[in-house]
């Protein structure tokens, strides 16, 4: 078995902004919610987020009930819009724009790396090299000669965030990317002679 790991600093943040509105009727809740969601999207665009980086993730409508007799008292409409933030330095301004426009929930950031596929390939190379090093050591200890690779199985990948969290200011959150480790795991079978 071999493990490979590549350390990297995230350069993209995924954020989700939501708006929840209530109304006496389904139409009133949906109309109010749609109006607020459009304001949020417009504010995000004005803050410099490209249209391709804004996507509606969820829209829902639910009735509200009284406690005792379960009669419908109104409706709650909710919309969530996700944003791909390609400039982490703009995080506070982007969050402020969305909240100022009416977002009443903010989720994230979910940090990631734009070239994650390349980093994973590097981690795979390191995992195979690690497996080869271990196999050589085991072959030497067993007084056998290591032969050719007969099988390689990829076991999966995990991006692992470094646990160093930065303190967040009360006025505007700073997004501290920290370090992530892209890991790969392989099982390599070698012939022995």
Protein backbone atom coordinates (compact mmCIF):
# COMPACT_ATOMS: atom_id res chain seq x y z
CA UNK A 1 0.00 0.00 0.00
CA UNK A 2 1.18 3.48 -0.74
CA UNK A 3 0.03 6.93 0.31
CA UNK A 4 0.80 10.17 -1.46
CA UNK A 5 0.04 13.66 -0.24
CA UNK A 6 0.42 17.08 -1.83
CA UNK A 7 0.06 20.25 0.26
CA UNK A 8 -1.69 23.19 -1.33
CA UNK A 9 -3.37 26.46 -0.48
CA UNK A 10 -7.00 26.73 -1.60
CA UNK A 11 -7.67 29.48 -4.13
CA UNK A 12 -11.45 29.13 -4.58
CA UNK A 13 -14.29 29.46 -2.08
CA UNK A 14 -17.82 28.20 -2.60
CA UNK A 15 -20.42 30.24 -0.72
CA UNK A 16 -24.18 29.79 -0.48
CA UNK A 17 -26.52 32.70 0.16
CA UNK A 18 -30.11 32.12 1.11
CA UNK A 19 -33.26 34.08 1.57
CA UNK A 20 -36.32 32.92 3.48
CA UNK A 21 -39.59 34.84 3.18
CA UNK A 22 -43.05 34.28 4.62
CA UNK A 23 -46.46 35.13 3.24
CA UNK A 24 -50.12 34.50 4.00
CA UNK A 25 -50.51 32.68 0.67
CA UNK A 26 -48.17 30.52 -1.35
CA UNK A 27 -48.13 33.14 -4.11
CA UNK A 28 -47.26 35.93 -1.66
CA UNK A 29 -44.38 33.94 -0.12
CA UNK A 30 -43.04 32.92 -3.55
CA UNK A 31 -43.30 36.45 -4.95
CA UNK A 32 -41.53 38.01 -1.97
CA UNK A 33 -38.85 35.33 -2.07
CA UNK A 34 -38.26 35.68 -5.82
CA UNK A 35 -37.96 39.46 -5.47
CA UNK A 36 -35.34 39.14 -2.73
CA UNK A 37 -33.43 36.39 -4.58
CA UNK A 38 -33.22 38.59 -7.70
CA UNK A 39 -31.82 41.42 -5.54
CA UNK A 40 -29.16 39.09 -4.16
CA UNK A 41 -28.14 37.89 -7.62
CA UNK A 42 -28.00 41.48 -8.89
CA UNK A 43 -25.84 42.51 -5.92
CA UNK A 44 -23.49 39.58 -6.53
CA UNK A 45 -23.15 40.52 -10.19
CA UNK A 46 -22.50 44.16 -9.18
CA UNK A 47 -19.84 42.89 -6.75
CA UNK A 48 -17.98 41.36 -9.69
CA UNK A 49 -19.15 37.74 -9.61
CA UNK A 50 -19.44 36.35 -13.14
CA UNK A 51 -22.82 34.97 -14.22
CA UNK A 52 -21.22 31.54 -14.77
CA UNK A 53 -20.23 31.50 -11.06
CA UNK A 54 -23.78 32.06 -9.73
CA UNK A 55 -26.26 29.19 -9.58
CA UNK A 56 -29.61 28.61 -7.89
CA UNK A 57 -29.14 25.57 -5.66
CA UNK A 58 -32.52 25.19 -4.06
CA UNK A 59 -36.00 26.68 -4.08
CA UNK A 60 -38.67 25.46 -1.70
CA UNK A 61 -42.14 26.28 -0.44
CA UNK A 62 -43.63 24.92 2.78
CA UNK A 63 -46.87 25.57 4.61
CA UNK A 64 -46.79 26.90 8.18
CA UNK A 65 -49.23 25.38 10.65
CA UNK A 66 -50.78 26.34 13.97
CA UNK A 67 -49.68 24.35 16.99
CA UNK A 68 -52.91 22.63 17.95
CA UNK A 69 -55.25 22.01 15.06
CA UNK A 70 -52.63 21.94 12.29
CA UNK A 71 -54.43 24.60 10.25
CA UNK A 72 -52.31 26.35 7.61
CA UNK A 73 -51.43 29.86 8.76
CA UNK A 74 -49.21 30.84 5.84
CA UNK A 75 -46.26 29.76 3.74
CA UNK A 76 -42.49 29.97 3.88
CA UNK A 77 -40.49 30.21 0.65
CA UNK A 78 -36.74 29.69 0.53
CA UNK A 79 -34.10 30.10 -2.17
CA UNK A 80 -30.39 29.33 -2.00
CA UNK A 81 -27.87 30.68 -4.50
CA UNK A 82 -24.33 29.33 -4.69
CA UNK A 83 -21.34 31.41 -5.69
CA UNK A 84 -17.89 30.38 -6.85
CA UNK A 85 -15.54 33.02 -5.46
CA UNK A 86 -12.32 33.02 -7.47
CA UNK A 87 -10.67 35.87 -5.53
CA UNK A 88 -10.56 35.08 -1.82
CA UNK A 89 -9.61 38.67 -1.02
CA UNK A 90 -13.12 39.67 -2.19
CA UNK A 91 -14.89 37.37 0.30
CA UNK A 92 -15.90 40.03 2.83
CA UNK A 93 -17.15 42.40 0.12
CA UNK A 94 -19.09 39.60 -1.57
CA UNK A 95 -20.72 38.48 1.68
CA UNK A 96 -21.54 42.08 2.56
CA UNK A 97 -23.12 42.68 -0.87
CA UNK A 98 -25.33 39.61 -0.58
CA UNK A 99 -26.41 40.31 3.01
CA UNK A 100 -27.05 43.98 2.24
CA UNK A 101 -29.26 42.88 -0.67
CA UNK A 102 -31.38 40.67 1.60
CA UNK A 103 -29.61 37.35 2.11
CA UNK A 104 -30.52 36.10 5.57
CA UNK A 105 -28.43 32.93 5.54
CA UNK A 106 -24.79 32.48 4.56
CA UNK A 107 -23.12 29.07 4.31
CA UNK A 108 -19.46 28.50 3.69
CA UNK A 109 -16.87 28.95 2.67
CA UNK A 110 -16.12 25.54 1.26
CA UNK A 111 -12.50 25.97 0.20
CA UNK A 112 -10.90 24.13 -2.70
CA UNK A 113 -8.13 24.35 -5.25
CA UNK A 114 -8.72 25.24 -8.90
CA UNK A 115 -6.19 22.67 -10.14
CA UNK A 116 -7.30 19.82 -7.86
CA UNK A 117 -7.08 17.23 -10.67
CA UNK A 118 -3.42 18.04 -11.31
CA UNK A 119 -2.67 17.89 -7.58
CA UNK A 120 -4.42 14.53 -7.28
CA UNK A 121 -2.29 13.12 -10.14
CA UNK A 122 0.81 14.31 -8.26
CA UNK A 123 -0.48 12.60 -5.11
CA UNK A 124 -1.06 9.37 -7.10
CA UNK A 125 2.55 9.46 -8.35
CA UNK A 126 3.76 9.94 -4.77
CA UNK A 127 1.53 7.05 -3.58
CA UNK A 128 2.97 4.65 -6.17
CA UNK A 129 6.51 5.75 -5.26
CA UNK A 130 5.69 5.16 -1.57
CA UNK A 131 4.35 1.67 -2.35
CA UNK A 132 7.50 0.88 -4.37
CA UNK A 133 9.77 2.05 -1.52
CA UNK A 134 7.91 -0.13 0.98
CA UNK A 135 7.97 -3.12 -1.38
CA UNK A 136 11.74 -2.77 -1.88
CA UNK A 137 12.28 -2.66 1.86
CA UNK A 138 10.11 -5.73 2.39
CA UNK A 139 11.85 -7.59 -0.43
CA UNK A 140 15.28 -6.84 1.04
CA UNK A 141 14.14 -7.91 4.52
CA UNK A 142 12.75 -11.14 3.04
CA UNK A 143 15.85 -11.91 0.92
CA UNK A 144 13.90 -11.84 -2.36
CA UNK A 145 14.22 -9.67 -5.44
CA UNK A 146 11.47 -7.25 -6.30
CA UNK A 147 10.02 -7.88 -9.74
CA UNK A 148 7.71 -5.96 -12.04
CA UNK A 149 4.40 -4.42 -11.05
CA UNK A 150 1.58 -6.88 -11.74
CA UNK A 151 -1.39 -4.88 -10.49
CA UNK A 152 -2.25 -1.35 -9.29
CA UNK A 153 -5.51 -0.42 -7.58
CA UNK A 154 -6.46 3.13 -6.71
CA UNK A 155 -8.14 3.27 -3.31
CA UNK A 156 -9.55 6.78 -3.29
CA UNK A 157 -8.73 10.36 -2.59
CA UNK A 158 -9.35 12.78 0.20
CA UNK A 159 -8.75 16.51 0.32
CA UNK A 160 -7.88 17.13 3.96
CA UNK A 161 -8.03 20.61 5.46
CA UNK A 162 -5.31 21.70 7.82
CA UNK A 163 -6.85 22.36 11.23
CA UNK A 164 -5.33 25.81 11.69
CA UNK A 165 -8.35 28.10 11.84
CA UNK A 166 -7.98 31.85 11.81
CA UNK A 167 -9.90 34.16 14.10
CA UNK A 168 -12.77 35.88 12.35
CA UNK A 169 -13.58 39.55 12.85
CA UNK A 170 -17.08 40.51 13.97
CA UNK A 171 -17.70 43.05 11.20
CA UNK A 172 -16.70 41.09 8.13
CA UNK A 173 -15.41 37.55 8.06
CA UNK A 174 -11.97 37.03 6.62
CA UNK A 175 -11.46 33.89 4.61
CA UNK A 176 -8.21 32.26 5.64
CA UNK A 177 -7.38 29.51 3.14
CA UNK A 178 -4.93 27.65 5.37
CA UNK A 179 -3.46 24.48 3.87
CA UNK A 180 -5.15 21.45 2.38
CA UNK A 181 -3.54 18.11 1.66
CA UNK A 182 -4.67 16.23 -1.42
CA UNK A 183 -4.16 12.55 -0.64
CA UNK A 184 -4.19 9.44 -2.81
CA UNK A 185 -4.03 5.81 -1.80
CA UNK A 186 -2.94 2.87 -3.95
CA UNK A 187 -2.35 -0.83 -3.57
CA UNK A 188 0.45 -2.09 -5.80
CA UNK A 189 1.23 -5.76 -6.32
CA UNK A 190 4.80 -6.68 -7.32
CA UNK A 191 6.17 -9.96 -8.57
CA UNK A 192 9.05 -11.36 -6.53
CA UNK A 193 11.94 -13.49 -7.73
